[in-house]
Amino acid sequence: MLTSISPTFFRNTSIFDVYWKFAFERQNIFFRRISNPVAPLTLDPILSCYKFTNAYRASDRVSQFLIRNVIYKGSQRPKEVFFRIILFKIFNKIETWQFLENSLGNQIELKDFSYKTYDSLLQKIIKEGKKIYSGAYIMPSGKSSFGATKKHQNHLRLIELMIKTHLPKKITDAKSLEEIFKLFFEYPTLGPFLAYQYAIDVAYSELTNAQENEFVVAGPGAKDGIRKCFLDTGGLCDSDVIRYMADIQEREFERLGLEFKSLWGRPLQLIDCQNIFCEVDKYSRISHPHIKGISGRQKIKQKFKLNPEPIHYWYPPKWNINHLIN
């Protein structure tokens, strides 16, 4: 359950309402694509032109692939599930995973993990002029911690270190999402934002009973979005502001006359409200260019390009919503 927060001294900007309108229309696009993917998805010129993530993080293409094809495909032994999650998420790129999977005989298992083999395979992709990392997160090179000249080599060493120091067991023993976050945060190259993202990815699995609404960390984009939505947050920290937004979502959609379609009864979680702040920061660079965030960024890099590959939506079984999906 969320803790109720009363922001007595909050002072909103015009972007505050944009936050809710963005979440509403982005979720509508999600459902329109399910029902008729070839029809116009939105009349919003900004959403039509630029790429934005879904209102719900778990609905994004990469998260869907992670849940269905990485976490719940293969052995459910804790070490194996953890290994697949962290291997996929470090690169966070579907094509990289598929290449490794095909090269290793359609089965990625910790018992067969070899630094030399994986290094050789990843170097093969690089030599073909292809990227092995997604552009979604900024991944530190790790050279100062592990000493290798190539970024992926240091990240393979990071995986080795996590396994050697029994991180899978520590995660299964953890009592909360915050504890899992702290476990990840202890490792080289993982700042607070990446540690939080990995904790959320682990929470999709059966390794833990931790819930998305237990804990949140604001990333750089979300911090920008918060500054654009509020002139004054009454002294609340960014995490509490995100929790406040999760608390008031039903009231705000109703105030604006927006019939928000939740994820088959699942309201926006803390991670989703965090992400929406990040996306609203981007959206407002075009809609409200005069309102500045912390970074001062003025453009949106990625244009929208429809991916014709359908997504068969499927969520962590413990959410108990898969039977509701048409």
C-alpha atoms as a PDB file:
ATOM      1  CA  MET A   1       0.000   0.000   0.000  1.00  0.00           C
ATOM      2  CA  LEU A   2       1.135   3.531  -0.696  1.00  0.00           C
ATOM      3  CA  THR A   3       1.678   5.940   2.134  1.00  0.00           C
ATOM      4  CA  SER A   4      -0.592   8.961   1.848  1.00  0.00           C
ATOM      5  CA  ILE A   5       1.312  12.215   1.374  1.00  0.00           C
ATOM      6  CA  SER A   6      -0.226  15.646   1.836  1.00  0.00           C
ATOM      7  CA  PRO A   7       1.819  18.192  -0.164  1.00  0.00           C
ATOM      8  CA  THR A   8       0.617  21.315   1.626  1.00  0.00           C
ATOM      9  CA  PHE A   9       3.074  23.588  -0.135  1.00  0.00           C
ATOM     10  CA  PHE A  10       3.043  22.097  -3.658  1.00  0.00           C
ATOM     11  CA  ARG A  11       3.011  24.667  -6.438  1.00  0.00           C
ATOM     12  CA  ASN A  12       2.220  23.153  -9.842  1.00  0.00           C
ATOM     13  CA  THR A  13       3.142  24.383 -13.299  1.00  0.00           C
ATOM     14  CA  SER A  14       1.077  23.856 -16.444  1.00  0.00           C
ATOM     15  CA  ILE A  15       3.107  20.683 -17.071  1.00  0.00           C
ATOM     16  CA  PHE A  16       1.375  19.030 -14.105  1.00  0.00           C
ATOM     17  CA  ASP A  17      -1.781  18.545 -16.175  1.00  0.00           C
ATOM     18  CA  VAL A  18       0.329  17.506 -19.171  1.00  0.00           C
ATOM     19  CA  TYR A  19       1.631  14.630 -17.040  1.00  0.00           C
ATOM     20  CA  TRP A  20      -1.833  13.115 -16.686  1.00  0.00           C
ATOM     21  CA  LYS A  21      -2.899  13.878 -20.255  1.00  0.00           C
ATOM     22  CA  PHE A  22       0.272  12.264 -21.569  1.00  0.00           C
ATOM     23  CA  ALA A  23      -0.275   9.108 -19.461  1.00  0.00           C
ATOM     24  CA  PHE A  24      -3.899   8.946 -20.634  1.00  0.00           C
ATOM     25  CA  GLU A  25      -3.148   9.279 -24.338  1.00  0.00           C
ATOM     26  CA  ARG A  26      -0.057   7.047 -24.271  1.00  0.00           C
ATOM     27  CA  GLN A  27      -2.123   4.295 -22.665  1.00  0.00           C
ATOM     28  CA  ASN A  28      -4.854   4.823 -25.254  1.00  0.00           C
ATOM     29  CA  ILE A  29      -2.231   4.326 -27.984  1.00  0.00           C
ATOM     30  CA  PHE A  30      -1.260   1.048 -26.291  1.00  0.00           C
ATOM     31  CA  PHE A  31      -4.827  -0.282 -26.469  1.00  0.00           C
ATOM     32  CA  ARG A  32      -5.454   1.077 -29.975  1.00  0.00           C
ATOM     33  CA  ARG A  33      -2.410  -0.782 -31.229  1.00  0.00           C
ATOM     34  CA  ILE A  34      -3.710  -4.013 -29.745  1.00  0.00           C
ATOM     35  CA  SER A  35      -7.140  -3.624 -31.370  1.00  0.00           C
ATOM     36  CA  ASN A  36      -6.072  -2.194 -34.754  1.00  0.00           C
ATOM     37  CA  PRO A  37      -2.305  -1.785 -35.273  1.00  0.00           C
ATOM     38  CA  VAL A  38      -2.608  -0.394 -38.818  1.00  0.00           C
ATOM     39  CA  ALA A  39      -5.029   2.414 -37.973  1.00  0.00           C
ATOM     40  CA  PRO A  40      -3.858   5.892 -36.889  1.00  0.00           C
ATOM     41  CA  LEU A  41      -2.806   5.494 -33.269  1.00  0.00           C
ATOM     42  CA  THR A  42      -3.202   9.108 -32.128  1.00  0.00           C
ATOM     43  CA  LEU A  43      -4.033  12.600 -33.303  1.00  0.00           C
ATOM     44  CA  ASP A  44      -1.419  14.066 -30.969  1.00  0.00           C
ATOM     45  CA  PRO A  45       1.285  15.476 -33.292  1.00  0.00           C
ATOM     46  CA  ILE A  46       4.092  15.036 -30.758  1.00  0.00           C
ATOM     47  CA  LEU A  47       3.213  11.434 -29.923  1.00  0.00           C
ATOM     48  CA  SER A  48       2.839  10.744 -33.645  1.00  0.00           C
ATOM     49  CA  CYS A  49       6.272  12.114 -34.450  1.00  0.00           C
ATOM     50  CA  TYR A  50       8.510  11.028 -31.575  1.00  0.00           C
ATOM     51  CA  LYS A  51       9.214   7.819 -29.693  1.00  0.00           C
ATOM     52  CA  PHE A  52       7.900   7.538 -26.135  1.00  0.00           C
ATOM     53  CA  THR A  53       7.757   4.574 -23.793  1.00  0.00           C
ATOM     54  CA  ASN A  54       4.446   3.156 -22.619  1.00  0.00           C
ATOM     55  CA  ALA A  55       2.657   4.447 -19.550  1.00  0.00           C
ATOM     56  CA  TYR A  56       3.425   1.057 -17.988  1.00  0.00           C
ATOM     57  CA  ARG A  57       7.081   0.016 -18.116  1.00  0.00           C
ATOM     58  CA  ALA A  58       6.199  -3.676 -18.357  1.00  0.00           C
ATOM     59  CA  SER A  59       4.301  -3.023 -21.615  1.00  0.00           C
ATOM     60  CA  ASP A  60       7.357  -1.830 -23.514  1.00  0.00           C
ATOM     61  CA  ARG A  61       8.680  -4.192 -26.176  1.00  0.00           C
ATOM     62  CA  VAL A  62      11.985  -4.891 -24.407  1.00  0.00           C
ATOM     63  CA  SER A  63      10.294  -5.515 -21.047  1.00  0.00           C
ATOM     64  CA  GLN A  64       7.796  -7.840 -22.711  1.00  0.00           C
ATOM     65  CA  PHE A  65      10.630  -9.793 -24.320  1.00  0.00           C
ATOM     66  CA  LEU A  66      12.429  -9.962 -20.978  1.00  0.00           C
ATOM     67  CA  ILE A  67       9.374 -11.273 -19.151  1.00  0.00           C
ATOM     68  CA  ARG A  68       8.227 -13.847 -21.701  1.00  0.00           C
ATOM     69  CA  ASN A  69      11.433 -14.922 -23.463  1.00  0.00           C
ATOM     70  CA  VAL A  70      14.091 -14.484 -20.787  1.00  0.00           C
ATOM     71  CA  ILE A  71      12.656 -14.743 -17.274  1.00  0.00           C
ATOM     72  CA  TYR A  72       9.972 -17.368 -17.791  1.00  0.00           C
ATOM     73  CA  LYS A  73      11.638 -19.340 -20.581  1.00  0.00           C
ATOM     74  CA  GLY A  74      14.067 -21.945 -19.331  1.00  0.00           C
ATOM     75  CA  SER A  75      15.020 -23.292 -15.940  1.00  0.00           C
ATOM     76  CA  GLN A  76      13.402 -21.553 -12.977  1.00  0.00           C
ATOM     77  CA  ARG A  77      16.286 -22.326 -10.656  1.00  0.00           C
ATOM     78  CA  PRO A  78      17.180 -19.014  -8.965  1.00  0.00           C
ATOM     79  CA  LYS A  79      20.770 -18.904 -10.269  1.00  0.00           C
ATOM     80  CA  GLU A  80      19.640 -19.550 -13.833  1.00  0.00           C
ATOM     81  CA  VAL A  81      16.832 -16.984 -13.733  1.00  0.00           C
ATOM     82  CA  PHE A  82      19.149 -14.367 -12.261  1.00  0.00           C
ATOM     83  CA  PHE A  83      21.860 -15.091 -14.818  1.00  0.00           C
ATOM     84  CA  ARG A  84      19.446 -14.713 -17.723  1.00  0.00           C
ATOM     85  CA  ILE A  85      18.007 -11.475 -16.332  1.00  0.00           C
ATOM     86  CA  ILE A  86      21.337  -9.758 -15.732  1.00  0.00           C
ATOM     87  CA  LEU A  87      22.875 -10.988 -18.999  1.00  0.00           C
ATOM     88  CA  PHE A  88      19.919  -9.650 -20.963  1.00  0.00           C
ATOM     89  CA  LYS A  89      19.607  -6.372 -19.047  1.00  0.00           C
ATOM     90  CA  ILE A  90      23.258  -5.379 -19.222  1.00  0.00           C
ATOM     91  CA  PHE A  91      22.908  -5.134 -22.995  1.00  0.00           C
ATOM     92  CA  ASN A  92      19.125  -4.548 -22.920  1.00  0.00           C
ATOM     93  CA  LYS A  93      18.912  -5.347 -26.614  1.00  0.00           C
ATOM     94  CA  ILE A  94      16.685  -8.067 -28.035  1.00  0.00           C
ATOM     95  CA  GLU A  95      18.917  -8.665 -31.059  1.00  0.00           C
ATOM     96  CA  THR A  96      21.972  -9.257 -28.861  1.00  0.00           C
ATOM     97  CA  TRP A  97      20.103 -11.838 -26.812  1.00  0.00           C
ATOM     98  CA  GLN A  98      18.775 -13.590 -29.903  1.00  0.00           C
ATOM     99  CA  PHE A  99      22.246 -13.755 -31.430  1.00  0.00           C
ATOM    100  CA  LEU A 100      23.691 -15.287 -28.256  1.00  0.00           C
ATOM    101  CA  GLU A 101      20.789 -17.689 -27.987  1.00  0.00           C
ATOM    102  CA  ASN A 102      21.094 -18.852 -31.601  1.00  0.00           C
ATOM    103  CA  SER A 103      24.872 -19.157 -31.322  1.00  0.00           C
ATOM    104  CA  LEU A 104      24.610 -21.246 -28.158  1.00  0.00           C
ATOM    105  CA  GLY A 105      21.955 -23.618 -29.482  1.00  0.00           C
ATOM    106  CA  ASN A 106      18.846 -21.747 -28.294  1.00  0.00           C
ATOM    107  CA  GLN A 107      19.692 -22.326 -24.659  1.00  0.00           C
ATOM    108  CA  ILE A 108      21.478 -19.831 -22.421  1.00  0.00           C
ATOM    109  CA  GLU A 109      22.494 -21.404 -19.135  1.00  0.00           C
ATOM    110  CA  LEU A 110      24.779 -20.362 -16.327  1.00  0.00           C
ATOM    111  CA  LYS A 111      26.434 -23.783 -16.223  1.00  0.00           C
ATOM    112  CA  ASP A 112      27.745 -23.144 -19.740  1.00  0.00           C
ATOM    113  CA  PHE A 113      28.777 -19.532 -19.121  1.00  0.00           C
ATOM    114  CA  SER A 114      32.326 -18.864 -20.243  1.00  0.00           C
ATOM    115  CA  TYR A 115      33.918 -15.440 -20.386  1.00  0.00           C
ATOM    116  CA  LYS A 116      36.002 -16.495 -23.383  1.00  0.00           C
ATOM    117  CA  THR A 117      33.026 -17.859 -25.340  1.00  0.00           C
ATOM    118  CA  TYR A 118      30.759 -14.879 -24.680  1.00  0.00           C
ATOM    119  CA  ASP A 119      33.534 -12.399 -25.378  1.00  0.00           C
ATOM    120  CA  SER A 120      34.217 -14.075 -28.715  1.00  0.00           C
ATOM    121  CA  LEU A 121      30.533 -14.047 -29.701  1.00  0.00           C
ATOM    122  CA  LEU A 122      30.025 -10.400 -28.751  1.00  0.00           C
ATOM    123  CA  GLN A 123      33.175  -9.378 -30.601  1.00  0.00           C
ATOM    124  CA  LYS A 124      31.750 -11.087 -33.677  1.00  0.00           C
ATOM    125  CA  ILE A 125      28.679  -8.818 -33.545  1.00  0.00           C
ATOM    126  CA  ILE A 126      30.852  -5.752 -33.096  1.00  0.00           C
ATOM    127  CA  LYS A 127      33.052  -6.682 -36.065  1.00  0.00           C
ATOM    128  CA  GLU A 128      29.931  -6.863 -38.209  1.00  0.00           C
ATOM    129  CA  GLY A 129      29.333  -3.208 -37.386  1.00  0.00           C
ATOM    130  CA  LYS A 130      26.312  -3.864 -35.188  1.00  0.00           C
ATOM    131  CA  LYS A 131      25.571  -2.416 -31.764  1.00  0.00           C
ATOM    132  CA  ILE A 132      25.351  -4.811 -28.849  1.00  0.00           C
ATOM    133  CA  TYR A 133      23.921  -2.287 -26.358  1.00  0.00           C
ATOM    134  CA  SER A 134      20.556  -0.561 -26.336  1.00  0.00           C
ATOM    135  CA  GLY A 135      20.565   3.226 -26.137  1.00  0.00           C
ATOM    136  CA  ALA A 136      17.966   3.193 -23.339  1.00  0.00           C
ATOM    137  CA  TYR A 137      20.509   3.390 -20.505  1.00  0.00           C
ATOM    138  CA  ILE A 138      23.979   4.854 -20.257  1.00  0.00           C
ATOM    139  CA  MET A 139      26.202   1.936 -19.286  1.00  0.00           C
ATOM    140  CA  PRO A 140      29.550   2.921 -17.725  1.00  0.00           C
ATOM    141  CA  SER A 141      32.491   1.169 -19.348  1.00  0.00           C
ATOM    142  CA  GLY A 142      33.713  -0.448 -16.123  1.00  0.00           C
ATOM    143  CA  LYS A 143      37.348  -0.167 -17.191  1.00  0.00           C
ATOM    144  CA  SER A 144      38.438   1.397 -13.910  1.00  0.00           C
ATOM    145  CA  SER A 145      36.887  -1.513 -11.999  1.00  0.00           C
ATOM    146  CA  PHE A 146      37.762  -4.507 -14.179  1.00  0.00           C
ATOM    147  CA  GLY A 147      40.582  -3.272 -16.420  1.00  0.00           C
ATOM    148  CA  ALA A 148      39.474  -4.633 -19.801  1.00  0.00           C
ATOM    149  CA  THR A 149      39.787  -2.408 -22.848  1.00  0.00           C
ATOM    150  CA  LYS A 150      36.353  -3.265 -24.241  1.00  0.00           C
ATOM    151  CA  LYS A 151      33.138  -2.339 -22.480  1.00  0.00           C
ATOM    152  CA  HIS A 152      31.414  -5.705 -22.888  1.00  0.00           C
ATOM    153  CA  GLN A 153      34.432  -7.524 -21.437  1.00  0.00           C
ATOM    154  CA  ASN A 154      34.130  -5.538 -18.213  1.00  0.00           C
ATOM    155  CA  HIS A 155      30.429  -6.311 -18.048  1.00  0.00           C
ATOM    156  CA  LEU A 156      31.084 -10.012 -18.473  1.00  0.00           C
ATOM    157  CA  ARG A 157      33.479  -9.716 -15.537  1.00  0.00           C
ATOM    158  CA  LEU A 158      30.712  -7.955 -13.608  1.00  0.00           C
ATOM    159  CA  ILE A 159      28.401 -10.918 -14.194  1.00  0.00           C
ATOM    160  CA  GLU A 160      31.157 -13.275 -13.016  1.00  0.00           C
ATOM    161  CA  LEU A 161      31.577 -11.191  -9.858  1.00  0.00           C
ATOM    162  CA  MET A 162      27.844 -11.221  -9.122  1.00  0.00           C
ATOM    163  CA  ILE A 163      27.719 -14.996  -9.403  1.00  0.00           C
ATOM    164  CA  LYS A 164      30.934 -15.483  -7.413  1.00  0.00           C
ATOM    165  CA  THR A 165      29.617 -13.330  -4.558  1.00  0.00           C
ATOM    166  CA  HIS A 166      26.297 -15.243  -4.432  1.00  0.00           C
ATOM    167  CA  LEU A 167      24.063 -12.362  -5.486  1.00  0.00           C
ATOM    168  CA  PRO A 168      21.233 -14.680  -6.651  1.00  0.00           C
ATOM    169  CA  LYS A 169      21.004 -16.189  -3.147  1.00  0.00           C
ATOM    170  CA  LYS A 170      21.162 -12.762  -1.515  1.00  0.00           C
ATOM    171  CA  ILE A 171      18.281 -11.597  -3.708  1.00  0.00           C
ATOM    172  CA  THR A 172      16.087 -14.584  -2.880  1.00  0.00           C
ATOM    173  CA  ASP A 173      16.773 -13.897   0.810  1.00  0.00           C
ATOM    174  CA  ALA A 174      16.019 -10.165   0.515  1.00  0.00           C
ATOM    175  CA  LYS A 175      12.888  -8.920   2.248  1.00  0.00           C
ATOM    176  CA  SER A 176      12.101  -5.872   0.102  1.00  0.00           C
ATOM    177  CA  LEU A 177      12.656  -4.121  -3.212  1.00  0.00           C
ATOM    178  CA  GLU A 178      14.835  -1.558  -1.454  1.00  0.00           C
ATOM    179  CA  GLU A 179      17.062  -4.309  -0.098  1.00  0.00           C
ATOM    180  CA  ILE A 180      17.454  -5.744  -3.614  1.00  0.00           C
ATOM    181  CA  PHE A 181      18.296  -2.269  -4.896  1.00  0.00           C
ATOM    182  CA  LYS A 182      20.990  -1.910  -2.231  1.00  0.00           C
ATOM    183  CA  LEU A 183      22.461  -5.290  -3.162  1.00  0.00           C
ATOM    184  CA  PHE A 184      22.836  -4.223  -6.795  1.00  0.00           C
ATOM    185  CA  PHE A 185      24.147  -0.804  -5.801  1.00  0.00           C
ATOM    186  CA  GLU A 186      27.136  -2.412  -4.071  1.00  0.00           C
ATOM    187  CA  TYR A 187      28.567  -3.575  -7.409  1.00  0.00           C
ATOM    188  CA  PRO A 188      31.012  -1.579  -9.560  1.00  0.00           C
ATOM    189  CA  THR A 189      29.571   0.449 -12.479  1.00  0.00           C
ATOM    190  CA  LEU A 190      26.009   0.322 -11.087  1.00  0.00           C
ATOM    191  CA  GLY A 191      24.781   3.742 -10.022  1.00  0.00           C
ATOM    192  CA  PRO A 192      21.453   4.240  -8.243  1.00  0.00           C
ATOM    193  CA  PHE A 193      19.369   4.420 -11.404  1.00  0.00           C
ATOM    194  CA  LEU A 194      20.691   1.186 -12.937  1.00  0.00           C
ATOM    195  CA  ALA A 195      20.553  -0.601  -9.586  1.00  0.00           C
ATOM    196  CA  TYR A 196      16.890   0.364  -9.292  1.00  0.00           C
ATOM    197  CA  GLN A 197      16.075  -0.701 -12.849  1.00  0.00           C
ATOM    198  CA  TYR A 198      17.676  -4.109 -12.265  1.00  0.00           C
ATOM    199  CA  ALA A 199      15.764  -4.485  -8.990  1.00  0.00           C
ATOM    200  CA  ILE A 200      12.511  -3.913 -10.891  1.00  0.00           C
ATOM    201  CA  ASP A 201      13.505  -6.478 -13.519  1.00  0.00           C
ATOM    202  CA  VAL A 202      14.220  -9.037 -10.802  1.00  0.00           C
ATOM    203  CA  ALA A 203      10.826  -8.234  -9.250  1.00  0.00           C
ATOM    204  CA  TYR A 204       9.134  -9.461 -12.452  1.00  0.00           C
ATOM    205  CA  SER A 205      10.440 -12.943 -11.624  1.00  0.00           C
ATOM    206  CA  GLU A 206       9.659 -15.481  -8.918  1.00  0.00           C
ATOM    207  CA  LEU A 207      13.009 -14.791  -7.250  1.00  0.00           C
ATOM    208  CA  THR A 208      11.284 -12.379  -4.894  1.00  0.00           C
ATOM    209  CA  ASN A 209       7.903 -11.293  -3.616  1.00  0.00           C
ATOM    210  CA  ALA A 210       9.005  -7.653  -3.688  1.00  0.00           C
ATOM    211  CA  GLN A 211       6.444  -5.305  -5.218  1.00  0.00           C
ATOM    212  CA  GLU A 212       6.894  -2.357  -7.595  1.00  0.00           C
ATOM    213  CA  ASN A 213       5.090  -0.036  -5.190  1.00  0.00           C
ATOM    214  CA  GLU A 214       7.478  -0.593  -2.297  1.00  0.00           C
ATOM    215  CA  PHE A 215      10.315   1.657  -3.386  1.00  0.00           C
ATOM    216  CA  VAL A 216      11.358   4.068  -6.129  1.00  0.00           C
ATOM    217  CA  VAL A 217      14.455   5.921  -7.308  1.00  0.00           C
ATOM    218  CA  ALA A 218      14.139   8.946  -9.586  1.00  0.00           C
ATOM    219  CA  GLY A 219      16.387   8.823 -12.632  1.00  0.00           C
ATOM    220  CA  PRO A 220      17.871  11.905 -14.305  1.00  0.00           C
ATOM    221  CA  GLY A 221      14.970  12.228 -16.765  1.00  0.00           C
ATOM    222  CA  ALA A 222      12.396  11.930 -13.988  1.00  0.00           C
ATOM    223  CA  LYS A 223      14.174  14.626 -11.993  1.00  0.00           C
ATOM    224  CA  ASP A 224      13.859  16.907 -15.017  1.00  0.00           C
ATOM    225  CA  GLY A 225      10.176  16.073 -15.318  1.00  0.00           C
ATOM    226  CA  ILE A 226       9.537  16.766 -11.646  1.00  0.00           C
ATOM    227  CA  ARG A 227      11.168  20.193 -11.893  1.00  0.00           C
ATOM    228  CA  LYS A 228       8.973  20.974 -14.888  1.00  0.00           C
ATOM    229  CA  CYS A 229       5.760  19.876 -13.162  1.00  0.00           C
ATOM    230  CA  PHE A 230       6.363  21.723  -9.889  1.00  0.00           C
ATOM    231  CA  LEU A 231       7.641  25.143  -8.970  1.00  0.00           C
ATOM    232  CA  ASP A 232       7.819  23.958  -5.363  1.00  0.00           C
ATOM    233  CA  THR A 233       7.406  20.482  -3.882  1.00  0.00           C
ATOM    234  CA  GLY A 234       7.140  21.649  -0.311  1.00  0.00           C
ATOM    235  CA  GLY A 235      10.445  20.085   0.647  1.00  0.00           C
ATOM    236  CA  LEU A 236       9.526  16.567  -0.454  1.00  0.00           C
ATOM    237  CA  CYS A 237      12.277  14.485  -2.031  1.00  0.00           C
ATOM    238  CA  ASP A 238      11.878  13.204  -5.582  1.00  0.00           C
ATOM    239  CA  SER A 239      10.899   9.715  -4.428  1.00  0.00           C
ATOM    240  CA  ASP A 240       8.089  11.112  -2.302  1.00  0.00           C
ATOM    241  CA  VAL A 241       6.880  13.261  -5.198  1.00  0.00           C
ATOM    242  CA  ILE A 242       6.637  10.117  -7.356  1.00  0.00           C
ATOM    243  CA  ARG A 243       4.754   8.347  -4.564  1.00  0.00           C
ATOM    244  CA  TYR A 244       2.415  11.328  -4.340  1.00  0.00           C
ATOM    245  CA  MET A 245       1.607  11.033  -8.046  1.00  0.00           C
ATOM    246  CA  ALA A 246       0.846   7.322  -7.651  1.00  0.00           C
ATOM    247  CA  ASP A 247      -1.410   8.151  -4.689  1.00  0.00           C
ATOM    248  CA  ILE A 248      -3.497  10.751  -6.511  1.00  0.00           C
ATOM    249  CA  GLN A 249      -3.754   9.193  -9.985  1.00  0.00           C
ATOM    250  CA  GLU A 250      -7.456   8.310  -9.844  1.00  0.00           C
ATOM    251  CA  ARG A 251      -8.388  11.747  -8.485  1.00  0.00           C
ATOM    252  CA  GLU A 252      -6.389  13.602 -11.118  1.00  0.00           C
ATOM    253  CA  PHE A 253      -7.719  11.618 -14.067  1.00  0.00           C
ATOM    254  CA  GLU A 254     -11.235  12.261 -12.773  1.00  0.00           C
ATOM    255  CA  ARG A 255     -10.536  15.980 -12.273  1.00  0.00           C
ATOM    256  CA  LEU A 256      -9.437  16.292 -15.901  1.00  0.00           C
ATOM    257  CA  GLY A 257     -12.334  14.213 -17.214  1.00  0.00           C
ATOM    258  CA  LEU A 258     -10.028  11.464 -18.466  1.00  0.00           C
ATOM    259  CA  GLU A 259     -11.259   7.854 -18.373  1.00  0.00           C
ATOM    260  CA  PHE A 260      -7.876   6.243 -17.921  1.00  0.00           C
ATOM    261  CA  LYS A 261      -7.687   2.611 -19.007  1.00  0.00           C
ATOM    262  CA  SER A 262      -5.471   0.878 -16.503  1.00  0.00           C
ATOM    263  CA  LEU A 263      -3.485  -2.260 -17.226  1.00  0.00           C
ATOM    264  CA  TRP A 264      -6.461  -4.581 -16.848  1.00  0.00           C
ATOM    265  CA  GLY A 265      -7.184  -3.241 -13.362  1.00  0.00           C
ATOM    266  CA  ARG A 266      -3.579  -2.651 -12.308  1.00  0.00           C
ATOM    267  CA  PRO A 267      -3.040   1.047 -11.494  1.00  0.00           C
ATOM    268  CA  LEU A 268       0.133   2.919 -12.346  1.00  0.00           C
ATOM    269  CA  GLN A 269       2.930   1.742 -10.065  1.00  0.00           C
ATOM    270  CA  LEU A 270       5.824   3.796  -8.674  1.00  0.00           C
ATOM    271  CA  ILE A 271       8.132   2.689 -11.494  1.00  0.00           C
ATOM    272  CA  ASP A 272       5.515   3.759 -14.041  1.00  0.00           C
ATOM    273  CA  CYS A 273       5.015   7.181 -12.449  1.00  0.00           C
ATOM    274  CA  GLN A 274       8.791   7.593 -12.426  1.00  0.00           C
ATOM    275  CA  ASN A 275       8.983   6.751 -16.121  1.00  0.00           C
ATOM    276  CA  ILE A 276       6.121   9.090 -16.999  1.00  0.00           C
ATOM    277  CA  PHE A 277       8.021  11.989 -15.437  1.00  0.00           C
ATOM    278  CA  CYS A 278      10.918  11.144 -17.753  1.00  0.00           C
ATOM    279  CA  GLU A 279       8.678  10.957 -20.819  1.00  0.00           C
ATOM    280  CA  VAL A 280       6.854  14.183 -19.916  1.00  0.00           C
ATOM    281  CA  ASP A 281      10.213  15.918 -19.671  1.00  0.00           C
ATOM    282  CA  LYS A 282      10.788  14.897 -23.294  1.00  0.00           C
ATOM    283  CA  TYR A 283       7.242  15.686 -24.418  1.00  0.00           C
ATOM    284  CA  SER A 284       7.318  19.175 -22.918  1.00  0.00           C
ATOM    285  CA  ARG A 285      10.507  20.058 -24.801  1.00  0.00           C
ATOM    286  CA  ILE A 286       8.183  20.414 -27.777  1.00  0.00           C
ATOM    287  CA  SER A 287       4.846  21.297 -26.144  1.00  0.00           C
ATOM    288  CA  HIS A 288       6.219  23.790 -23.588  1.00  0.00           C
ATOM    289  CA  PRO A 289       9.770  24.681 -24.665  1.00  0.00           C
ATOM    290  CA  HIS A 290       9.832  27.729 -22.382  1.00  0.00           C
ATOM    291  CA  ILE A 291       9.671  25.545 -19.251  1.00  0.00           C
ATOM    292  CA  LYS A 292      13.158  24.281 -18.488  1.00  0.00           C
ATOM    293  CA  GLY A 293      14.288  21.250 -16.544  1.00  0.00           C
ATOM    294  CA  ILE A 294      17.603  20.596 -14.846  1.00  0.00           C
ATOM    295  CA  SER A 295      19.463  19.381 -17.940  1.00  0.00           C
ATOM    296  CA  GLY A 296      18.218  22.128 -20.246  1.00  0.00           C
ATOM    297  CA  ARG A 297      17.705  19.670 -23.104  1.00  0.00           C
ATOM    298  CA  GLN A 298      15.565  21.095 -25.895  1.00  0.00           C
ATOM    299  CA  LYS A 299      15.197  18.314 -28.460  1.00  0.00           C
ATOM    300  CA  ILE A 300      13.900  14.754 -28.604  1.00  0.00           C
ATOM    301  CA  LYS A 301      16.409  12.448 -30.261  1.00  0.00           C
ATOM    302  CA  GLN A 302      14.326   9.469 -31.335  1.00  0.00           C
ATOM    303  CA  LYS A 303      11.580   9.712 -33.943  1.00  0.00           C
ATOM    304  CA  PHE A 304       8.654   7.304 -33.855  1.00  0.00           C
ATOM    305  CA  LYS A 305       8.921   4.406 -36.266  1.00  0.00           C
ATOM    306  CA  LEU A 306       6.224   1.754 -36.199  1.00  0.00           C
ATOM    307  CA  ASN A 307       7.620  -1.715 -35.546  1.00  0.00           C
ATOM    308  CA  PRO A 308       5.377  -4.135 -37.457  1.00  0.00           C
ATOM    309  CA  GLU A 309       6.395  -7.093 -35.306  1.00  0.00           C
ATOM    310  CA  PRO A 310       3.359  -7.818 -33.078  1.00  0.00           C
ATOM    311  CA  ILE A 311       3.674  -8.145 -29.326  1.00  0.00           C
ATOM    312  CA  HIS A 312       1.649 -10.845 -27.612  1.00  0.00           C
ATOM    313  CA  TYR A 313       1.295  -9.194 -24.237  1.00  0.00           C
ATOM    314  CA  TRP A 314       2.006 -11.331 -21.225  1.00  0.00           C
ATOM    315  CA  TYR A 315       2.913 -10.150 -17.741  1.00  0.00           C
ATOM    316  CA  PRO A 316       4.395 -11.738 -14.614  1.00  0.00           C
ATOM    317  CA  PRO A 317       1.906 -14.455 -13.609  1.00  0.00           C
ATOM    318  CA  LYS A 318       1.907 -13.233 -10.012  1.00  0.00           C
ATOM    319  CA  TRP A 319       0.163 -10.041 -11.196  1.00  0.00           C
ATOM    320  CA  ASN A 320      -2.845 -12.213 -12.048  1.00  0.00           C
ATOM    321  CA  ILE A 321      -3.905 -10.228 -15.129  1.00  0.00           C
ATOM    322  CA  ASN A 322      -2.935 -12.478 -18.042  1.00  0.00           C
ATOM    323  CA  HIS A 323      -6.343 -14.156 -18.156  1.00  0.00           C
ATOM    324  CA  LEU A 324      -7.924 -10.739 -18.763  1.00  0.00           C
ATOM    325  CA  ILE A 325      -5.935 -10.027 -21.939  1.00  0.00           C
ATOM    326  CA  ASN A 326      -7.982 -10.570 -25.094  1.00  0.00           C
END
